[in-house]
Amino acid sequence: MPVTQIPHSQMAVAIEAIQSRIADDATSMRQSLPLSAVDAQAHRVDGFASLFERAVHSVDAQDRLAADKMAAVDAGQSDDLVGAMLASQQASLSFSMLMQARNKVVGAMEDLIKLPL
């Protein structure tokens, strides 16, 4: 399979488009992360890796909260079935959003890897 040469200007445009997609995804993830007042003061953005790590921890916390609410309903300690189901759906949607962001990052990295030098 012959390798086609891409002009530098087209490569630069492709890289800028990928960087823009990553920045947009990072912004939307940053806006979706819940921060308490204490966390907001200590909040620093060290980079995309730390942002994604916080997103993973946030999704995990939502999943644990939903599991705790469901366990309380199952054990008869709570009669808030609707709240438990809503928490479960919220955790599920958060996980889906996290996977979509991951897939976009992986896709962008694959696009970068495919670019000829």
PDB file of N, CA and C in Angstrom:
ATOM      1  N   MET A   1       0.844  -1.174   0.000  1.00  0.00           N
ATOM      2  CA  MET A   1       0.000   0.000   0.000  1.00  0.00           C
ATOM      3  C   MET A   1       0.888   1.235   0.000  1.00  0.00           C
ATOM      4  N   PRO A   2       0.795   2.079  -1.003  1.00  0.00           N
ATOM      5  CA  PRO A   2       1.670   3.246  -1.085  1.00  0.00           C
ATOM      6  C   PRO A   2       1.302   4.277  -0.028  1.00  0.00           C
ATOM      7  N   VAL A   3       2.329   4.930   0.474  1.00  0.00           N
ATOM      8  CA  VAL A   3       2.136   5.979   1.472  1.00  0.00           C
ATOM      9  C   VAL A   3       1.990   7.296   0.729  1.00  0.00           C
ATOM     10  N   THR A   4       0.911   7.994   1.000  1.00  0.00           N
ATOM     11  CA  THR A   4       0.700   9.285   0.351  1.00  0.00           C
ATOM     12  C   THR A   4       1.273  10.378   1.229  1.00  0.00           C
ATOM     13  N   GLN A   5       1.873  11.322   0.602  1.00  0.00           N
ATOM     14  CA  GLN A   5       2.440  12.442   1.330  1.00  0.00           C
ATOM     15  C   GLN A   5       1.376  13.514   1.518  1.00  0.00           C
ATOM     16  N   ILE A   6       1.228  13.968   2.735  1.00  0.00           N
ATOM     17  CA  ILE A   6       0.279  15.030   3.044  1.00  0.00           C
ATOM     18  C   ILE A   6       1.078  16.314   3.210  1.00  0.00           C
ATOM     19  N   PRO A   7       0.661  17.378   2.540  1.00  0.00           N
ATOM     20  CA  PRO A   7       1.371  18.649   2.711  1.00  0.00           C
ATOM     21  C   PRO A   7       1.339  19.078   4.169  1.00  0.00           C
ATOM     22  N   HIS A   8       2.394  19.785   4.563  1.00  0.00           N
ATOM     23  CA  HIS A   8       2.501  20.214   5.963  1.00  0.00           C
ATOM     24  C   HIS A   8       1.329  21.069   6.401  1.00  0.00           C
ATOM     25  N   SER A   9       0.785  21.862   5.498  1.00  0.00           N
ATOM     26  CA  SER A   9      -0.344  22.719   5.879  1.00  0.00           C
ATOM     27  C   SER A   9      -1.578  21.879   6.209  1.00  0.00           C
ATOM     28  N   GLN A  10      -1.819  20.805   5.449  1.00  0.00           N
ATOM     29  CA  GLN A  10      -2.955  19.930   5.742  1.00  0.00           C
ATOM     30  C   GLN A  10      -2.729  19.166   7.045  1.00  0.00           C
ATOM     31  N   MET A  11      -1.482  18.766   7.303  1.00  0.00           N
ATOM     32  CA  MET A  11      -1.177  18.057   8.536  1.00  0.00           C
ATOM     33  C   MET A  11      -1.399  18.977   9.729  1.00  0.00           C
ATOM     34  N   ALA A  12      -0.978  20.230   9.585  1.00  0.00           N
ATOM     35  CA  ALA A  12      -1.165  21.186  10.679  1.00  0.00           C
ATOM     36  C   ALA A  12      -2.646  21.407  10.951  1.00  0.00           C
ATOM     37  N   VAL A  13      -3.443  21.490   9.887  1.00  0.00           N
ATOM     38  CA  VAL A  13      -4.885  21.673  10.055  1.00  0.00           C
ATOM     39  C   VAL A  13      -5.496  20.458  10.750  1.00  0.00           C
ATOM     40  N   ALA A  14      -5.054  19.247  10.367  1.00  0.00           N
ATOM     41  CA  ALA A  14      -5.573  18.027  10.992  1.00  0.00           C
ATOM     42  C   ALA A  14      -5.202  17.970  12.465  1.00  0.00           C
ATOM     43  N   ILE A  15      -3.978  18.331  12.796  1.00  0.00           N
ATOM     44  CA  ILE A  15      -3.543  18.317  14.197  1.00  0.00           C
ATOM     45  C   ILE A  15      -4.308  19.354  15.004  1.00  0.00           C
ATOM     46  N   GLU A  16      -4.520  20.540  14.434  1.00  0.00           N
ATOM     47  CA  GLU A  16      -5.285  21.574  15.137  1.00  0.00           C
ATOM     48  C   GLU A  16      -6.724  21.130  15.369  1.00  0.00           C
ATOM     49  N   ALA A  17      -7.318  20.417  14.411  1.00  0.00           N
ATOM     50  CA  ALA A  17      -8.684  19.928  14.577  1.00  0.00           C
ATOM     51  C   ALA A  17      -8.754  18.905  15.707  1.00  0.00           C
ATOM     52  N   ILE A  18      -7.777  18.031  15.779  1.00  0.00           N
ATOM     53  CA  ILE A  18      -7.744  17.019  16.844  1.00  0.00           C
ATOM     54  C   ILE A  18      -7.528  17.687  18.197  1.00  0.00           C
ATOM     55  N   GLN A  19      -6.621  18.660  18.252  1.00  0.00           N
ATOM     56  CA  GLN A  19      -6.395  19.377  19.508  1.00  0.00           C
ATOM     57  C   GLN A  19      -7.660  20.103  19.952  1.00  0.00           C
ATOM     58  N   SER A  20      -8.391  20.649  19.005  1.00  0.00           N
ATOM     59  CA  SER A  20      -9.638  21.339  19.336  1.00  0.00           C
ATOM     60  C   SER A  20     -10.666  20.372  19.897  1.00  0.00           C
ATOM     61  N   ARG A  21     -10.772  19.172  19.284  1.00  0.00           N
ATOM     62  CA  ARG A  21     -11.712  18.161  19.793  1.00  0.00           C
ATOM     63  C   ARG A  21     -11.344  17.743  21.211  1.00  0.00           C
ATOM     64  N   ILE A  22     -10.050  17.556  21.471  1.00  0.00           N
ATOM     65  CA  ILE A  22      -9.613  17.158  22.810  1.00  0.00           C
ATOM     66  C   ILE A  22      -9.899  18.270  23.809  1.00  0.00           C
ATOM     67  N   ALA A  23      -9.638  19.522  23.432  1.00  0.00           N
ATOM     68  CA  ALA A  23      -9.910  20.645  24.331  1.00  0.00           C
ATOM     69  C   ALA A  23     -11.402  20.767  24.628  1.00  0.00           C
ATOM     70  N   ASP A  24     -12.240  20.570  23.614  1.00  0.00           N
ATOM     71  CA  ASP A  24     -13.685  20.615  23.830  1.00  0.00           C
ATOM     72  C   ASP A  24     -14.139  19.514  24.780  1.00  0.00           C
ATOM     73  N   ASP A  25     -13.598  18.299  24.591  1.00  0.00           N
ATOM     74  CA  ASP A  25     -13.959  17.197  25.479  1.00  0.00           C
ATOM     75  C   ASP A  25     -13.497  17.466  26.909  1.00  0.00           C
ATOM     76  N   ALA A  26     -12.295  18.015  27.061  1.00  0.00           N
ATOM     77  CA  ALA A  26     -11.783  18.327  28.394  1.00  0.00           C
ATOM     78  C   ALA A  26     -12.647  19.383  29.071  1.00  0.00           C
ATOM     79  N   THR A  27     -13.088  20.384  28.309  1.00  0.00           N
ATOM     80  CA  THR A  27     -13.943  21.432  28.873  1.00  0.00           C
ATOM     81  C   THR A  27     -15.273  20.862  29.325  1.00  0.00           C
ATOM     82  N   SER A  28     -15.876  20.006  28.496  1.00  0.00           N
ATOM     83  CA  SER A  28     -17.171  19.440  28.884  1.00  0.00           C
ATOM     84  C   SER A  28     -17.019  18.520  30.090  1.00  0.00           C
ATOM     85  N   MET A  29     -15.908  17.792  30.178  1.00  0.00           N
ATOM     86  CA  MET A  29     -15.695  16.930  31.347  1.00  0.00           C
ATOM     87  C   MET A  29     -15.470  17.780  32.598  1.00  0.00           C
ATOM     88  N   ARG A  30     -14.722  18.879  32.453  1.00  0.00           N
ATOM     89  CA  ARG A  30     -14.442  19.750  33.597  1.00  0.00           C
ATOM     90  C   ARG A  30     -15.740  20.344  34.137  1.00  0.00           C
ATOM     91  N   GLN A  31     -16.655  20.704  33.240  1.00  0.00           N
ATOM     92  CA  GLN A  31     -17.917  21.295  33.662  1.00  0.00           C
ATOM     93  C   GLN A  31     -18.828  20.278  34.334  1.00  0.00           C
ATOM     94  N   SER A  32     -18.658  18.993  34.017  1.00  0.00           N
ATOM     95  CA  SER A  32     -19.540  17.980  34.577  1.00  0.00           C
ATOM     96  C   SER A  32     -19.054  17.455  35.920  1.00  0.00           C
ATOM     97  N   LEU A  33     -17.830  17.800  36.305  1.00  0.00           N
ATOM     98  CA  LEU A  33     -17.308  17.304  37.573  1.00  0.00           C
ATOM     99  C   LEU A  33     -17.885  18.100  38.738  1.00  0.00           C
ATOM    100  N   PRO A  34     -18.467  17.408  39.728  1.00  0.00           N
ATOM    101  CA  PRO A  34     -18.963  18.124  40.900  1.00  0.00           C
ATOM    102  C   PRO A  34     -17.812  18.463  41.848  1.00  0.00           C
ATOM    103  N   LEU A  35     -17.735  19.707  42.270  1.00  0.00           N
ATOM    104  CA  LEU A  35     -16.700  20.133  43.208  1.00  0.00           C
ATOM    105  C   LEU A  35     -17.358  20.799  44.407  1.00  0.00           C
ATOM    106  N   SER A  36     -16.976  20.386  45.595  1.00  0.00           N
ATOM    107  CA  SER A  36     -17.493  21.049  46.794  1.00  0.00           C
ATOM    108  C   SER A  36     -16.700  22.341  47.003  1.00  0.00           C
ATOM    109  N   ALA A  37     -17.110  23.141  47.940  1.00  0.00           N
ATOM    110  CA  ALA A  37     -16.434  24.416  48.192  1.00  0.00           C
ATOM    111  C   ALA A  37     -14.992  24.187  48.622  1.00  0.00           C
ATOM    112  N   VAL A  38     -14.745  23.153  49.411  1.00  0.00           N
ATOM    113  CA  VAL A  38     -13.384  22.851  49.857  1.00  0.00           C
ATOM    114  C   VAL A  38     -12.540  22.395  48.680  1.00  0.00           C
ATOM    115  N   ASP A  39     -13.096  21.521  47.839  1.00  0.00           N
ATOM    116  CA  ASP A  39     -12.366  21.030  46.676  1.00  0.00           C
ATOM    117  C   ASP A  39     -12.085  22.153  45.689  1.00  0.00           C
ATOM    118  N   ALA A  40     -12.989  23.121  45.586  1.00  0.00           N
ATOM    119  CA  ALA A  40     -12.815  24.210  44.630  1.00  0.00           C
ATOM    120  C   ALA A  40     -11.597  25.059  44.978  1.00  0.00           C
ATOM    121  N   GLN A  41     -11.315  25.238  46.289  1.00  0.00           N
ATOM    122  CA  GLN A  41     -10.156  26.025  46.696  1.00  0.00           C
ATOM    123  C   GLN A  41      -8.863  25.278  46.396  1.00  0.00           C
ATOM    124  N   ALA A  42      -8.864  23.968  46.577  1.00  0.00           N
ATOM    125  CA  ALA A  42      -7.664  23.176  46.353  1.00  0.00           C
ATOM    126  C   ALA A  42      -7.556  22.705  44.910  1.00  0.00           C
ATOM    127  N   HIS A  43      -8.541  23.040  44.098  1.00  0.00           N
ATOM    128  CA  HIS A  43      -8.622  22.556  42.714  1.00  0.00           C
ATOM    129  C   HIS A  43      -7.559  23.216  41.839  1.00  0.00           C
ATOM    130  N   ARG A  44      -6.747  22.358  41.188  1.00  0.00           N
ATOM    131  CA  ARG A  44      -5.782  22.830  40.205  1.00  0.00           C
ATOM    132  C   ARG A  44      -5.862  21.891  39.018  1.00  0.00           C
ATOM    133  N   VAL A  45      -5.628  22.442  37.866  1.00  0.00           N
ATOM    134  CA  VAL A  45      -5.619  21.604  36.675  1.00  0.00           C
ATOM    135  C   VAL A  45      -4.161  21.347  36.315  1.00  0.00           C
ATOM    136  N   ASP A  46      -3.720  20.098  36.523  1.00  0.00           N
ATOM    137  CA  ASP A  46      -2.347  19.731  36.209  1.00  0.00           C
ATOM    138  C   ASP A  46      -2.220  19.225  34.783  1.00  0.00           C
ATOM    139  N   GLY A  47      -3.318  18.975  34.146  1.00  0.00           N
ATOM    140  CA  GLY A  47      -3.271  18.471  32.789  1.00  0.00           C
ATOM    141  C   GLY A  47      -4.429  17.540  32.531  1.00  0.00           C
ATOM    142  N   PHE A  48      -4.427  17.010  31.328  1.00  0.00           N
ATOM    143  CA  PHE A  48      -5.528  16.155  30.924  1.00  0.00           C
ATOM    144  C   PHE A  48      -5.586  14.875  31.753  1.00  0.00           C
ATOM    145  N   ALA A  49      -4.432  14.325  32.110  1.00  0.00           N
ATOM    146  CA  ALA A  49      -4.407  13.072  32.879  1.00  0.00           C
ATOM    147  C   ALA A  49      -5.081  13.251  34.238  1.00  0.00           C
ATOM    148  N   SER A  50      -4.785  14.351  34.919  1.00  0.00           N
ATOM    149  CA  SER A  50      -5.404  14.562  36.234  1.00  0.00           C
ATOM    150  C   SER A  50      -6.897  14.847  36.092  1.00  0.00           C
ATOM    151  N   LEU A  51      -7.279  15.528  35.034  1.00  0.00           N
ATOM    152  CA  LEU A  51      -8.699  15.785  34.775  1.00  0.00           C
ATOM    153  C   LEU A  51      -9.442  14.481  34.548  1.00  0.00           C
ATOM    154  N   PHE A  52      -8.862  13.623  33.739  1.00  0.00           N
ATOM    155  CA  PHE A  52      -9.504  12.343  33.454  1.00  0.00           C
ATOM    156  C   PHE A  52      -9.536  11.461  34.705  1.00  0.00           C
ATOM    157  N   GLU A  53      -8.496  11.536  35.520  1.00  0.00           N
ATOM    158  CA  GLU A  53      -8.475  10.762  36.768  1.00  0.00           C
ATOM    159  C   GLU A  53      -9.587  11.221  37.708  1.00  0.00           C
ATOM    160  N   ARG A  54      -9.783  12.530  37.815  1.00  0.00           N
ATOM    161  CA  ARG A  54     -10.873  13.045  38.658  1.00  0.00           C
ATOM    162  C   ARG A  54     -12.227  12.621  38.111  1.00  0.00           C
ATOM    163  N   ALA A  55     -12.354  12.589  36.792  1.00  0.00           N
ATOM    164  CA  ALA A  55     -13.615  12.155  36.186  1.00  0.00           C
ATOM    165  C   ALA A  55     -13.893  10.700  36.530  1.00  0.00           C
ATOM    166  N   VAL A  56     -12.860   9.858  36.472  1.00  0.00           N
ATOM    167  CA  VAL A  56     -13.017   8.438  36.809  1.00  0.00           C
ATOM    168  C   VAL A  56     -13.433   8.298  38.272  1.00  0.00           C
ATOM    169  N   HIS A  57     -12.793   9.057  39.153  1.00  0.00           N
ATOM    170  CA  HIS A  57     -13.142   8.987  40.580  1.00  0.00           C
ATOM    171  C   HIS A  57     -14.567   9.489  40.824  1.00  0.00           C
ATOM    172  N   SER A  58     -14.984  10.509  40.098  1.00  0.00           N
ATOM    173  CA  SER A  58     -16.339  11.027  40.243  1.00  0.00           C
ATOM    174  C   SER A  58     -17.376   9.993  39.805  1.00  0.00           C
ATOM    175  N   VAL A  59     -17.113   9.345  38.676  1.00  0.00           N
ATOM    176  CA  VAL A  59     -18.035   8.308  38.189  1.00  0.00           C
ATOM    177  C   VAL A  59     -18.078   7.141  39.172  1.00  0.00           C
ATOM    178  N   ASP A  60     -16.924   6.779  39.711  1.00  0.00           N
ATOM    179  CA  ASP A  60     -16.882   5.697  40.696  1.00  0.00           C
ATOM    180  C   ASP A  60     -17.674   6.065  41.951  1.00  0.00           C
ATOM    181  N   ALA A  61     -17.545   7.312  42.397  1.00  0.00           N
ATOM    182  CA  ALA A  61     -18.292   7.750  43.578  1.00  0.00           C
ATOM    183  C   ALA A  61     -19.799   7.718  43.325  1.00  0.00           C
ATOM    184  N   GLN A  62     -20.211   8.119  42.131  1.00  0.00           N
ATOM    185  CA  GLN A  62     -21.638   8.070  41.796  1.00  0.00           C
ATOM    186  C   GLN A  62     -22.140   6.630  41.774  1.00  0.00           C
ATOM    187  N   ASP A  63     -21.327   5.725  41.259  1.00  0.00           N
ATOM    188  CA  ASP A  63     -21.714   4.313  41.218  1.00  0.00           C
ATOM    189  C   ASP A  63     -21.832   3.737  42.627  1.00  0.00           C
ATOM    190  N   ARG A  64     -20.889   4.093  43.484  1.00  0.00           N
ATOM    191  CA  ARG A  64     -20.944   3.606  44.871  1.00  0.00           C
ATOM    192  C   ARG A  64     -22.171   4.152  45.604  1.00  0.00           C
ATOM    193  N   LEU A  65     -22.477   5.433  45.375  1.00  0.00           N
ATOM    194  CA  LEU A  65     -23.658   6.039  46.009  1.00  0.00           C
ATOM    195  C   LEU A  65     -24.927   5.333  45.541  1.00  0.00           C
ATOM    196  N   ALA A  66     -25.011   5.057  44.252  1.00  0.00           N
ATOM    197  CA  ALA A  66     -26.184   4.358  43.720  1.00  0.00           C
ATOM    198  C   ALA A  66     -26.285   2.955  44.310  1.00  0.00           C
ATOM    199  N   ALA A  67     -25.154   2.269  44.433  1.00  0.00           N
ATOM    200  CA  ALA A  67     -25.162   0.922  45.017  1.00  0.00           C
ATOM    201  C   ALA A  67     -25.589   0.967  46.481  1.00  0.00           C
ATOM    202  N   ASP A  68     -25.124   1.973  47.214  1.00  0.00           N
ATOM    203  CA  ASP A  68     -25.518   2.110  48.619  1.00  0.00           C
ATOM    204  C   ASP A  68     -27.019   2.373  48.756  1.00  0.00           C
ATOM    205  N   LYS A  69     -27.553   3.227  47.874  1.00  0.00           N
ATOM    206  CA  LYS A  69     -28.995   3.511  47.921  1.00  0.00           C
ATOM    207  C   LYS A  69     -29.807   2.261  47.589  1.00  0.00           C
ATOM    208  N   MET A  70     -29.370   1.500  46.601  1.00  0.00           N
ATOM    209  CA  MET A  70     -30.076   0.269  46.238  1.00  0.00           C
ATOM    210  C   MET A  70     -29.993  -0.758  47.380  1.00  0.00           C
ATOM    211  N   ALA A  71     -28.823  -0.846  48.009  1.00  0.00           N
ATOM    212  CA  ALA A  71     -28.671  -1.783  49.129  1.00  0.00           C
ATOM    213  C   ALA A  71     -29.583  -1.388  50.291  1.00  0.00           C
ATOM    214  N   ALA A  72     -29.721  -0.082  50.548  1.00  0.00           N
ATOM    215  CA  ALA A  72     -30.605   0.385  51.624  1.00  0.00           C
ATOM    216  C   ALA A  72     -32.052   0.042  51.320  1.00  0.00           C
ATOM    217  N   VAL A  73     -32.453   0.175  50.064  1.00  0.00           N
ATOM    218  CA  VAL A  73     -33.819  -0.176  49.679  1.00  0.00           C
ATOM    219  C   VAL A  73     -34.017  -1.685  49.805  1.00  0.00           C
ATOM    220  N   ASP A  74     -33.032  -2.459  49.349  1.00  0.00           N
ATOM    221  CA  ASP A  74     -33.121  -3.928  49.435  1.00  0.00           C
ATOM    222  C   ASP A  74     -33.206  -4.411  50.872  1.00  0.00           C
ATOM    223  N   ALA A  75     -32.478  -3.738  51.772  1.00  0.00           N
ATOM    224  CA  ALA A  75     -32.455  -4.157  53.173  1.00  0.00           C
ATOM    225  C   ALA A  75     -33.658  -3.627  53.956  1.00  0.00           C
ATOM    226  N   GLY A  76     -34.463  -2.798  53.329  1.00  0.00           N
ATOM    227  CA  GLY A  76     -35.631  -2.254  54.012  1.00  0.00           C
ATOM    228  C   GLY A  76     -35.312  -1.050  54.876  1.00  0.00           C
ATOM    229  N   GLN A  77     -34.097  -0.512  54.777  1.00  0.00           N
ATOM    230  CA  GLN A  77     -33.711   0.651  55.565  1.00  0.00           C
ATOM    231  C   GLN A  77     -34.228   1.947  54.948  1.00  0.00           C
ATOM    232  N   SER A  78     -34.608   1.888  53.691  1.00  0.00           N
ATOM    233  CA  SER A  78     -35.103   3.070  52.997  1.00  0.00           C
ATOM    234  C   SER A  78     -36.262   2.653  52.096  1.00  0.00           C
ATOM    235  N   ASP A  79     -37.195   3.560  51.926  1.00  0.00           N
ATOM    236  CA  ASP A  79     -38.290   3.284  50.999  1.00  0.00           C
ATOM    237  C   ASP A  79     -38.227   4.214  49.783  1.00  0.00           C
ATOM    238  N   ASP A  80     -37.047   4.789  49.540  1.00  0.00           N
ATOM    239  CA  ASP A  80     -36.840   5.721  48.432  1.00  0.00           C
ATOM    240  C   ASP A  80     -36.371   4.961  47.183  1.00  0.00           C
ATOM    241  N   LEU A  81     -37.263   4.151  46.643  1.00  0.00           N
ATOM    242  CA  LEU A  81     -36.930   3.373  45.453  1.00  0.00           C
ATOM    243  C   LEU A  81     -36.695   4.281  44.245  1.00  0.00           C
ATOM    244  N   VAL A  82     -37.491   5.325  44.130  1.00  0.00           N
ATOM    245  CA  VAL A  82     -37.337   6.245  42.999  1.00  0.00           C
ATOM    246  C   VAL A  82     -35.971   6.933  43.065  1.00  0.00           C
ATOM    247  N   GLY A  83     -35.575   7.379  44.240  1.00  0.00           N
ATOM    248  CA  GLY A  83     -34.260   8.013  44.401  1.00  0.00           C
ATOM    249  C   GLY A  83     -33.126   7.058  44.081  1.00  0.00           C
ATOM    250  N   ALA A  84     -33.288   5.807  44.497  1.00  0.00           N
ATOM    251  CA  ALA A  84     -32.263   4.807  44.207  1.00  0.00           C
ATOM    252  C   ALA A  84     -32.169   4.531  42.710  1.00  0.00           C
ATOM    253  N   MET A  85     -33.314   4.454  42.056  1.00  0.00           N
ATOM    254  CA  MET A  85     -33.305   4.203  40.608  1.00  0.00           C
ATOM    255  C   MET A  85     -32.726   5.401  39.851  1.00  0.00           C
ATOM    256  N   LEU A  86     -33.061   6.611  40.292  1.00  0.00           N
ATOM    257  CA  LEU A  86     -32.499   7.801  39.648  1.00  0.00           C
ATOM    258  C   LEU A  86     -30.983   7.861  39.826  1.00  0.00           C
ATOM    259  N   ALA A  87     -30.502   7.535  41.022  1.00  0.00           N
ATOM    260  CA  ALA A  87     -29.055   7.519  41.268  1.00  0.00           C
ATOM    261  C   ALA A  87     -28.376   6.474  40.390  1.00  0.00           C
ATOM    262  N   SER A  88     -29.039   5.329  40.230  1.00  0.00           N
ATOM    263  CA  SER A  88     -28.493   4.273  39.375  1.00  0.00           C
ATOM    264  C   SER A  88     -28.420   4.723  37.921  1.00  0.00           C
ATOM    265  N   GLN A  89     -29.461   5.384  37.436  1.00  0.00           N
ATOM    266  CA  GLN A  89     -29.454   5.874  36.055  1.00  0.00           C
ATOM    267  C   GLN A  89     -28.424   6.984  35.857  1.00  0.00           C
ATOM    268  N   GLN A  90     -28.287   7.852  36.864  1.00  0.00           N
ATOM    269  CA  GLN A  90     -27.291   8.917  36.772  1.00  0.00           C
ATOM    270  C   GLN A  90     -25.885   8.325  36.706  1.00  0.00           C
ATOM    271  N   ALA A  91     -25.618   7.320  37.525  1.00  0.00           N
ATOM    272  CA  ALA A  91     -24.307   6.663  37.494  1.00  0.00           C
ATOM    273  C   ALA A  91     -24.075   5.993  36.149  1.00  0.00           C
ATOM    274  N   SER A  92     -25.111   5.386  35.605  1.00  0.00           N
ATOM    275  CA  SER A  92     -24.988   4.734  34.305  1.00  0.00           C
ATOM    276  C   SER A  92     -24.697   5.742  33.197  1.00  0.00           C
ATOM    277  N   LEU A  93     -25.400   6.865  33.212  1.00  0.00           N
ATOM    278  CA  LEU A  93     -25.160   7.903  32.205  1.00  0.00           C
ATOM    279  C   LEU A  93     -23.770   8.516  32.354  1.00  0.00           C
ATOM    280  N   SER A  94     -23.321   8.702  33.592  1.00  0.00           N
ATOM    281  CA  SER A  94     -21.982   9.240  33.814  1.00  0.00           C
ATOM    282  C   SER A  94     -20.925   8.293  33.271  1.00  0.00           C
ATOM    283  N   PHE A  95     -21.128   6.997  33.500  1.00  0.00           N
ATOM    284  CA  PHE A  95     -20.184   6.008  32.980  1.00  0.00           C
ATOM    285  C   PHE A  95     -20.185   6.016  31.453  1.00  0.00           C
ATOM    286  N   SER A  96     -21.358   6.127  30.855  1.00  0.00           N
ATOM    287  CA  SER A  96     -21.451   6.180  29.390  1.00  0.00           C
ATOM    288  C   SER A  96     -20.730   7.404  28.842  1.00  0.00           C
ATOM    289  N   MET A  97     -20.894   8.561  29.504  1.00  0.00           N
ATOM    290  CA  MET A  97     -20.215   9.774  29.066  1.00  0.00           C
ATOM    291  C   MET A  97     -18.701   9.618  29.179  1.00  0.00           C
ATOM    292  N   LEU A  98     -18.252   8.989  30.266  1.00  0.00           N
ATOM    293  CA  LEU A  98     -16.822   8.760  30.450  1.00  0.00           C
ATOM    294  C   LEU A  98     -16.277   7.860  29.349  1.00  0.00           C
ATOM    295  N   MET A  99     -17.025   6.837  28.983  1.00  0.00           N
ATOM    296  CA  MET A  99     -16.577   5.936  27.915  1.00  0.00           C
ATOM    297  C   MET A  99     -16.563   6.650  26.561  1.00  0.00           C
ATOM    298  N   GLN A 100     -17.519   7.541  26.337  1.00  0.00           N
ATOM    299  CA  GLN A 100     -17.523   8.309  25.089  1.00  0.00           C
ATOM    300  C   GLN A 100     -16.294   9.219  25.016  1.00  0.00           C
ATOM    301  N   ALA A 101     -15.967   9.857  26.127  1.00  0.00           N
ATOM    302  CA  ALA A 101     -14.779  10.720  26.160  1.00  0.00           C
ATOM    303  C   ALA A 101     -13.517   9.888  25.929  1.00  0.00           C
ATOM    304  N   ARG A 102     -13.447   8.726  26.566  1.00  0.00           N
ATOM    305  CA  ARG A 102     -12.302   7.835  26.371  1.00  0.00           C
ATOM    306  C   ARG A 102     -12.189   7.423  24.916  1.00  0.00           C
ATOM    307  N   ASN A 103     -13.301   7.062  24.302  1.00  0.00           N
ATOM    308  CA  ASN A 103     -13.282   6.633  22.904  1.00  0.00           C
ATOM    309  C   ASN A 103     -12.833   7.761  21.980  1.00  0.00           C
ATOM    310  N   LYS A 104     -13.237   8.989  22.293  1.00  0.00           N
ATOM    311  CA  LYS A 104     -12.793  10.123  21.473  1.00  0.00           C
ATOM    312  C   LYS A 104     -11.299  10.355  21.615  1.00  0.00           C
ATOM    313  N   VAL A 105     -10.784  10.232  22.828  1.00  0.00           N
ATOM    314  CA  VAL A 105      -9.341  10.412  23.041  1.00  0.00           C
ATOM    315  C   VAL A 105      -8.571   9.314  22.315  1.00  0.00           C
ATOM    316  N   VAL A 106      -9.028   8.087  22.437  1.00  0.00           N
ATOM    317  CA  VAL A 106      -8.360   6.977  21.754  1.00  0.00           C
ATOM    318  C   VAL A 106      -8.427   7.180  20.237  1.00  0.00           C
ATOM    319  N   GLY A 107      -9.569   7.604  19.726  1.00  0.00           N
ATOM    320  CA  GLY A 107      -9.706   7.869  18.298  1.00  0.00           C
ATOM    321  C   GLY A 107      -8.774   8.977  17.831  1.00  0.00           C
ATOM    322  N   ALA A 108      -8.660  10.035  18.631  1.00  0.00           N
ATOM    323  CA  ALA A 108      -7.765  11.137  18.284  1.00  0.00           C
ATOM    324  C   ALA A 108      -6.313  10.674  18.279  1.00  0.00           C
ATOM    325  N   MET A 109      -5.954   9.849  19.253  1.00  0.00           N
ATOM    326  CA  MET A 109      -4.582   9.326  19.294  1.00  0.00           C
ATOM    327  C   MET A 109      -4.316   8.420  18.093  1.00  0.00           C
ATOM    328  N   GLU A 110      -5.292   7.604  17.716  1.00  0.00           N
ATOM    329  CA  GLU A 110      -5.122   6.753  16.542  1.00  0.00           C
ATOM    330  C   GLU A 110      -4.966   7.595  15.285  1.00  0.00           C
ATOM    331  N   ASP A 111      -5.726   8.688  15.191  1.00  0.00           N
ATOM    332  CA  ASP A 111      -5.572   9.598  14.042  1.00  0.00           C
ATOM    333  C   ASP A 111      -4.179  10.203  13.995  1.00  0.00           C
ATOM    334  N   LEU A 112      -3.658  10.585  15.162  1.00  0.00           N
ATOM    335  CA  LEU A 112      -2.309  11.140  15.210  1.00  0.00           C
ATOM    336  C   LEU A 112      -1.261  10.113  14.815  1.00  0.00           C
ATOM    337  N   ILE A 113      -1.457   8.885  15.256  1.00  0.00           N
ATOM    338  CA  ILE A 113      -0.493   7.837  14.943  1.00  0.00           C
ATOM    339  C   ILE A 113      -0.483   7.543  13.440  1.00  0.00           C
ATOM    340  N   LYS A 114      -1.635   7.643  12.793  1.00  0.00           N
ATOM    341  CA  LYS A 114      -1.743   7.347  11.363  1.00  0.00           C
ATOM    342  C   LYS A 114      -1.151   8.437  10.483  1.00  0.00           C
ATOM    343  N   LEU A 115      -0.926   9.624  11.033  1.00  0.00           N
ATOM    344  CA  LEU A 115      -0.388  10.720  10.220  1.00  0.00           C
ATOM    345  C   LEU A 115       1.039  10.402   9.803  1.00  0.00           C
ATOM    346  N   PRO A 116       1.341  10.530   8.523  1.00  0.00           N
ATOM    347  CA  PRO A 116       2.726  10.306   8.094  1.00  0.00           C
ATOM    348  C   PRO A 116       3.611  11.480   8.491  1.00  0.00           C
ATOM    349  N   LEU A 117       4.831  11.168   8.764  1.00  0.00           N
ATOM    350  CA  LEU A 117       5.765  12.231   9.164  1.00  0.00           C
ATOM    351  C   LEU A 117       6.539  12.753   7.992  1.00  0.00           C
TER     352      LEU A 117
END
